[in-house]
Amino acid sequence: QIEPLDLPMPLDGALRWVSPYEERVASRVAIFLTQHAYLSCTEHAASDLDHEVGGVLVGQVYRDERDDQPYIIIEDTIQAQHTQFSPTRLTFTQDSLVQLNNELEERFPGKQMVGWYHTHPHMDVFMSSYDLWLHTNFFAEIWQVALVMEPCTERGGFFCWQEGRRLDPHHYVGFYELADVSYETVVEWDNLKPVED
């Protein structure tokens, strides 16, 4: 059981990106995504437009003491090797899971897998029944999220646990962009809109 670190949310300098579904998703966790992690995800997503690719999101879980709200900061990614994939499915094999855990320990000591990401080329931003099964079985903590990207149309969104351990496979949320690469935004997904908080 990982205890969140107590720290106020880093809202200063964070740009909030919202999805059309924010009102419909009661997310249990706020999501902060560094520009480095965003670029790492989107670069991997664009590397194969015919098959699903994926990996895990690396970072830390925190709690804002002011409202007891858990939040995550996604700092980097690890690409999954040894996956089995088709145009419509990505499977993390046992070898993938070993590789991901080994890389996490070696490259990111003290960090957690705060979620996972994968692509749906030529489809849309949603979670399939297999995605739901994988998230339920391997990313069951309330602060673990799934990022789905459609690299052909440059769209993406996060799926999170809601009340009653429920996942909504069609309604995703946005995130807070943390500038660590550029003073300008690096986000190019046209299904999310920036909001000045």
Protein backbone atom coordinates (compact mmCIF):
# COMPACT_ATOMS: atom_id res chain seq x y z
CA GLN A 1 0.00 0.00 0.00
CA ILE A 2 1.57 3.27 -1.17
CA GLU A 3 0.89 6.29 1.02
CA PRO A 4 0.52 9.57 -0.91
CA LEU A 5 3.02 12.32 -0.08
CA ASP A 6 1.47 15.46 1.41
CA LEU A 7 2.09 18.42 -0.89
CA PRO A 8 -0.12 21.21 -2.27
CA MET A 9 -1.07 20.80 -5.93
CA PRO A 10 1.40 22.58 -8.23
CA LEU A 11 -1.28 24.77 -9.83
CA ASP A 12 1.00 27.79 -10.35
CA GLY A 13 2.30 27.59 -13.87
CA ALA A 14 0.14 24.57 -14.74
CA LEU A 15 -2.12 24.85 -17.79
CA ARG A 16 -5.39 22.95 -17.44
CA TRP A 17 -6.66 21.02 -20.46
CA VAL A 18 -10.31 19.92 -20.29
CA SER A 19 -12.25 17.30 -22.21
CA PRO A 20 -15.86 17.69 -23.36
CA TYR A 21 -16.82 15.19 -20.64
CA GLU A 22 -15.42 16.79 -17.47
CA GLU A 23 -18.91 17.25 -15.98
CA ARG A 24 -19.78 13.60 -16.56
CA VAL A 25 -16.69 12.08 -14.93
CA ALA A 26 -16.28 12.24 -11.16
CA SER A 27 -12.56 11.53 -11.23
CA ARG A 28 -11.06 10.30 -7.95
CA VAL A 29 -7.68 11.84 -8.78
CA ALA A 30 -6.29 15.03 -10.36
CA ILE A 31 -3.72 14.45 -13.11
CA PHE A 32 -0.58 16.52 -13.69
CA LEU A 33 1.41 15.61 -16.81
CA THR A 34 4.88 17.00 -17.45
CA GLN A 35 5.65 18.16 -20.96
CA HIS A 36 8.47 15.64 -21.07
CA ALA A 37 6.06 12.77 -20.34
CA TYR A 38 3.52 14.08 -22.88
CA LEU A 39 6.19 14.24 -25.61
CA SER A 40 7.47 10.80 -24.66
CA CYS A 41 3.94 9.32 -24.99
CA THR A 42 3.07 11.05 -28.24
CA GLU A 43 6.41 10.18 -29.85
CA HIS A 44 5.87 6.51 -29.03
CA ALA A 45 2.25 6.73 -30.21
CA ALA A 46 3.33 8.12 -33.60
CA SER A 47 5.94 5.38 -34.09
CA ASP A 48 3.37 2.84 -35.37
CA LEU A 49 0.12 3.98 -36.94
CA ASP A 50 -1.00 0.45 -37.83
CA HIS A 51 -0.75 -1.33 -34.48
CA GLU A 52 -1.42 -0.46 -30.87
CA VAL A 53 1.63 0.47 -28.79
CA GLY A 54 1.82 1.24 -25.11
CA GLY A 55 3.68 1.37 -21.85
CA VAL A 56 3.41 2.68 -18.32
CA LEU A 57 3.23 6.14 -16.80
CA VAL A 58 5.85 6.81 -14.14
CA GLY A 59 5.56 9.34 -11.35
CA GLN A 60 4.39 9.94 -7.82
CA VAL A 61 1.10 10.06 -5.95
CA TYR A 62 0.42 13.00 -3.66
CA ARG A 63 -2.36 14.36 -1.46
CA ASP A 64 -3.30 18.01 -1.20
CA GLU A 65 -3.89 18.55 2.52
CA ARG A 66 -6.23 21.47 1.90
CA ASP A 67 -9.01 19.27 0.52
CA ASP A 68 -7.55 15.78 1.01
CA GLN A 69 -7.58 15.37 -2.79
CA PRO A 70 -5.20 12.77 -4.22
CA TYR A 71 -3.30 13.75 -7.35
CA ILE A 72 -0.55 12.29 -9.47
CA ILE A 73 2.36 13.85 -11.28
CA ILE A 74 3.32 11.86 -14.37
CA GLU A 75 7.02 12.50 -14.93
CA ASP A 76 8.06 9.94 -17.54
CA THR A 77 7.12 6.79 -19.40
CA ILE A 78 8.47 3.30 -19.97
CA GLN A 79 7.71 1.70 -23.31
CA ALA A 80 6.46 -1.87 -23.05
CA GLN A 81 8.62 -4.40 -24.88
CA HIS A 82 7.61 -8.00 -25.69
CA THR A 83 3.97 -7.00 -26.23
CA GLN A 84 1.58 -8.92 -28.41
CA PHE A 85 -0.37 -6.58 -30.59
CA SER A 86 -2.84 -6.40 -33.42
CA PRO A 87 -4.57 -3.43 -35.04
CA THR A 88 -7.15 -3.52 -32.22
CA ARG A 89 -5.46 -4.99 -29.15
CA LEU A 90 -2.32 -4.61 -27.08
CA THR A 91 -1.40 -7.36 -24.64
CA PHE A 92 1.22 -6.96 -21.93
CA THR A 93 2.84 -10.40 -21.76
CA GLN A 94 4.52 -11.77 -18.64
CA ASP A 95 7.86 -10.73 -20.19
CA SER A 96 6.48 -7.20 -20.64
CA LEU A 97 5.50 -6.97 -16.99
CA VAL A 98 8.94 -8.18 -15.85
CA GLN A 99 10.67 -5.68 -18.16
CA LEU A 100 8.46 -2.78 -17.01
CA ASN A 101 9.03 -3.54 -13.32
CA ASN A 102 12.78 -3.99 -13.81
CA GLU A 103 13.07 -0.68 -15.70
CA LEU A 104 11.01 1.10 -13.05
CA GLU A 105 13.39 -0.07 -10.30
CA GLU A 106 16.56 0.64 -12.29
CA ARG A 107 15.72 3.96 -13.94
CA PHE A 108 13.19 5.47 -11.52
CA PRO A 109 13.96 4.38 -7.95
CA GLY A 110 11.30 5.55 -5.52
CA LYS A 111 8.74 6.24 -8.28
CA GLN A 112 5.51 4.39 -8.99
CA MET A 113 3.56 3.19 -11.99
CA VAL A 114 0.78 5.76 -11.74
CA GLY A 115 -0.96 4.32 -14.78
CA TRP A 116 -0.49 3.08 -18.32
CA TYR A 117 -0.95 4.33 -21.85
CA HIS A 118 -1.74 2.83 -25.22
CA THR A 119 -2.92 3.84 -28.67
CA HIS A 120 -6.02 3.21 -30.77
CA PRO A 121 -4.83 4.01 -34.30
CA HIS A 122 -7.66 4.74 -36.78
CA MET A 123 -10.24 4.31 -34.01
CA ASP A 124 -11.05 6.75 -31.22
CA VAL A 125 -10.36 7.61 -27.60
CA PHE A 126 -12.17 4.93 -25.58
CA MET A 127 -11.46 1.84 -23.51
CA SER A 128 -12.31 -1.55 -24.98
CA SER A 129 -13.58 -4.41 -22.84
CA TYR A 130 -10.04 -5.82 -22.84
CA ASP A 131 -8.62 -2.41 -21.77
CA LEU A 132 -11.09 -2.35 -18.88
CA TRP A 133 -10.04 -5.87 -17.85
CA LEU A 134 -6.35 -4.95 -17.98
CA HIS A 135 -6.86 -1.74 -15.98
CA THR A 136 -8.97 -3.52 -13.36
CA ASN A 137 -6.43 -6.30 -12.88
CA PHE A 138 -3.14 -4.40 -13.06
CA PHE A 139 -3.93 -0.75 -12.21
CA ALA A 140 -6.48 -1.08 -9.42
CA GLU A 141 -5.32 1.76 -7.13
CA ILE A 142 -7.74 4.69 -7.18
CA TRP A 143 -4.93 6.99 -8.30
CA GLN A 144 -3.89 4.84 -11.28
CA VAL A 145 -5.07 6.11 -14.66
CA ALA A 146 -5.20 4.98 -18.29
CA LEU A 147 -4.19 7.30 -21.12
CA VAL A 148 -5.63 6.42 -24.53
CA MET A 149 -4.30 8.17 -27.64
CA GLU A 150 -5.48 8.24 -31.25
CA PRO A 151 -2.23 9.15 -33.03
CA CYS A 152 -3.72 9.48 -36.51
CA THR A 153 -6.04 12.32 -35.50
CA GLU A 154 -3.89 13.59 -32.58
CA ARG A 155 -6.41 13.06 -29.81
CA GLY A 156 -6.02 11.74 -26.28
CA GLY A 157 -7.65 11.50 -22.88
CA PHE A 158 -7.35 9.98 -19.42
CA PHE A 159 -9.68 7.37 -17.95
CA CYS A 160 -9.86 7.20 -14.16
CA TRP A 161 -11.52 5.34 -11.36
CA GLN A 162 -14.82 6.80 -10.22
CA GLU A 163 -16.97 6.23 -7.14
CA GLY A 164 -17.87 2.58 -6.60
CA ARG A 165 -14.69 1.33 -8.34
CA ARG A 166 -16.31 2.16 -11.67
CA LEU A 167 -14.61 2.93 -14.99
CA ASP A 168 -16.44 4.82 -17.74
CA PRO A 169 -15.07 3.49 -21.05
CA HIS A 170 -16.28 6.41 -23.18
CA HIS A 171 -15.88 9.57 -21.10
CA TYR A 172 -12.35 10.79 -20.45
CA VAL A 173 -10.84 13.76 -18.65
CA GLY A 174 -8.02 16.15 -19.39
CA PHE A 175 -5.05 17.08 -17.22
CA TYR A 176 -2.79 19.86 -15.99
CA GLU A 177 0.23 20.45 -18.23
CA LEU A 178 3.39 21.07 -16.19
CA ALA A 179 5.98 23.10 -18.07
CA ASP A 180 9.39 21.48 -17.80
CA VAL A 181 10.49 21.61 -21.45
CA SER A 182 9.05 24.81 -22.90
CA TYR A 183 7.38 28.02 -21.74
CA GLU A 184 4.86 27.42 -24.53
CA THR A 185 2.38 24.56 -24.46
CA VAL A 186 3.43 21.36 -26.23
CA VAL A 187 -0.06 19.80 -26.27
CA GLU A 188 -1.49 19.23 -29.75
CA TRP A 189 -4.60 17.15 -29.02
CA ASP A 190 -7.52 19.00 -30.58
CA ASN A 191 -10.19 17.23 -28.52
CA LEU A 192 -9.04 19.05 -25.35
CA LYS A 193 -9.34 22.77 -24.68
CA PRO A 194 -7.06 24.92 -22.51
CA VAL A 195 -8.61 26.72 -19.54
CA GLU A 196 -7.01 29.54 -17.60
CA ASP A 197 -7.78 28.68 -13.97
